[in-house]
Amino acid sequence: MQKLKQIPKRVHHFLIGLVLTAVLGVLAFAVVNTYTAYTDMVVQQQQQYLLVTARAVSKTLSLYISGQLRDIEILTRSP
């Protein structure tokens, strides 16, 4: 405690401000990093969802067109 009293108040306040600035910088970095990781994860999930939806639509459309072609083939064979 004796050594702490020997440091001028101005330097003491500067050191406290420096430490707080460093802590806030680390926290800001952590928040930005977490936000970036979260948004990347959400984008990846949405891309997966869109891919699954596109595959389902493709399969449905393929089945529908196959049915229509089959019906057309039947109609063209009938006398």
Protein backbone atom coordinates (compact mmCIF):
# COMPACT_ATOMS: atom_id res chain seq x y z
CA MET A 1 0.00 0.00 0.00
CA GLN A 2 2.95 2.26 0.65
CA LYS A 3 4.11 1.95 -2.95
CA LEU A 4 0.61 2.70 -4.23
CA LYS A 5 0.61 5.99 -2.35
CA GLN A 6 3.91 6.93 -3.95
CA ILE A 7 2.38 6.81 -7.46
CA PRO A 8 0.87 10.19 -8.38
CA LYS A 9 -2.90 10.24 -8.72
CA ARG A 10 -2.66 11.29 -12.34
CA VAL A 11 -0.59 8.20 -13.23
CA HIS A 12 -2.84 6.03 -11.08
CA HIS A 13 -5.95 7.23 -12.94
CA PHE A 14 -4.19 6.78 -16.27
CA LEU A 15 -3.31 3.17 -15.42
CA ILE A 16 -6.87 2.43 -14.32
CA GLY A 17 -8.17 3.97 -17.55
CA LEU A 18 -5.69 1.94 -19.57
CA VAL A 19 -6.74 -1.30 -17.89
CA LEU A 20 -10.44 -0.52 -18.37
CA THR A 21 -9.84 0.32 -22.01
CA ALA A 22 -8.04 -2.97 -22.53
CA VAL A 23 -10.84 -4.91 -20.83
CA LEU A 24 -13.47 -3.14 -22.91
CA GLY A 25 -11.45 -3.84 -26.05
CA VAL A 26 -11.31 -7.54 -25.25
CA LEU A 27 -15.04 -7.58 -24.51
CA ALA A 28 -15.80 -5.75 -27.76
CA PHE A 29 -13.68 -8.25 -29.68
CA ALA A 30 -15.51 -11.14 -28.00
CA VAL A 31 -18.92 -9.64 -28.82
CA VAL A 32 -18.02 -9.04 -32.47
CA ASN A 33 -16.51 -12.51 -32.78
CA THR A 34 -19.59 -14.14 -31.23
CA TYR A 35 -21.94 -12.11 -33.44
CA THR A 36 -20.00 -13.05 -36.57
CA ALA A 37 -20.02 -16.74 -35.65
CA TYR A 38 -23.75 -16.60 -34.91
CA THR A 39 -24.61 -14.90 -38.20
CA ASP A 40 -22.46 -17.41 -40.10
CA MET A 41 -24.30 -20.26 -38.40
CA VAL A 42 -27.73 -18.76 -39.20
CA VAL A 43 -26.76 -18.22 -42.84
CA GLN A 44 -25.54 -21.82 -43.10
CA GLN A 45 -28.78 -23.14 -41.57
CA GLN A 46 -30.88 -21.05 -43.95
CA GLN A 47 -28.86 -22.28 -46.91
CA GLN A 48 -29.46 -25.86 -45.80
CA TYR A 49 -33.18 -25.14 -45.44
CA LEU A 50 -33.31 -23.61 -48.93
CA LEU A 51 -31.47 -26.60 -50.36
CA VAL A 52 -33.90 -29.04 -48.75
CA THR A 53 -36.85 -26.97 -50.01
CA ALA A 54 -35.40 -26.85 -53.53
CA ARG A 55 -34.91 -30.61 -53.54
CA ALA A 56 -38.49 -31.17 -52.37
CA VAL A 57 -39.88 -28.85 -55.03
CA SER A 58 -37.69 -30.50 -57.66
CA LYS A 59 -38.93 -33.97 -56.69
CA THR A 60 -42.56 -32.84 -56.68
CA LEU A 61 -42.20 -31.13 -60.04
CA SER A 62 -40.49 -34.18 -61.50
CA LEU A 63 -43.29 -36.45 -60.32
CA TYR A 64 -45.92 -34.08 -61.68
CA ILE A 65 -44.23 -33.83 -65.10
CA SER A 66 -43.79 -37.61 -65.23
CA GLY A 67 -47.50 -38.04 -64.55
CA GLN A 68 -48.43 -35.51 -67.20
CA LEU A 69 -46.13 -37.15 -69.76
CA ARG A 70 -47.64 -40.53 -68.94
CA ASP A 71 -51.14 -39.10 -69.43
CA ILE A 72 -50.12 -37.55 -72.76
CA GLU A 73 -48.60 -40.84 -73.87
CA ILE A 74 -51.81 -42.67 -72.99
CA LEU A 75 -53.91 -40.11 -74.87
CA THR A 76 -51.73 -40.30 -77.97
CA ARG A 77 -51.95 -44.12 -78.05
CA SER A 78 -55.77 -44.16 -77.80
CA PRO A 79 -57.63 -44.42 -81.11
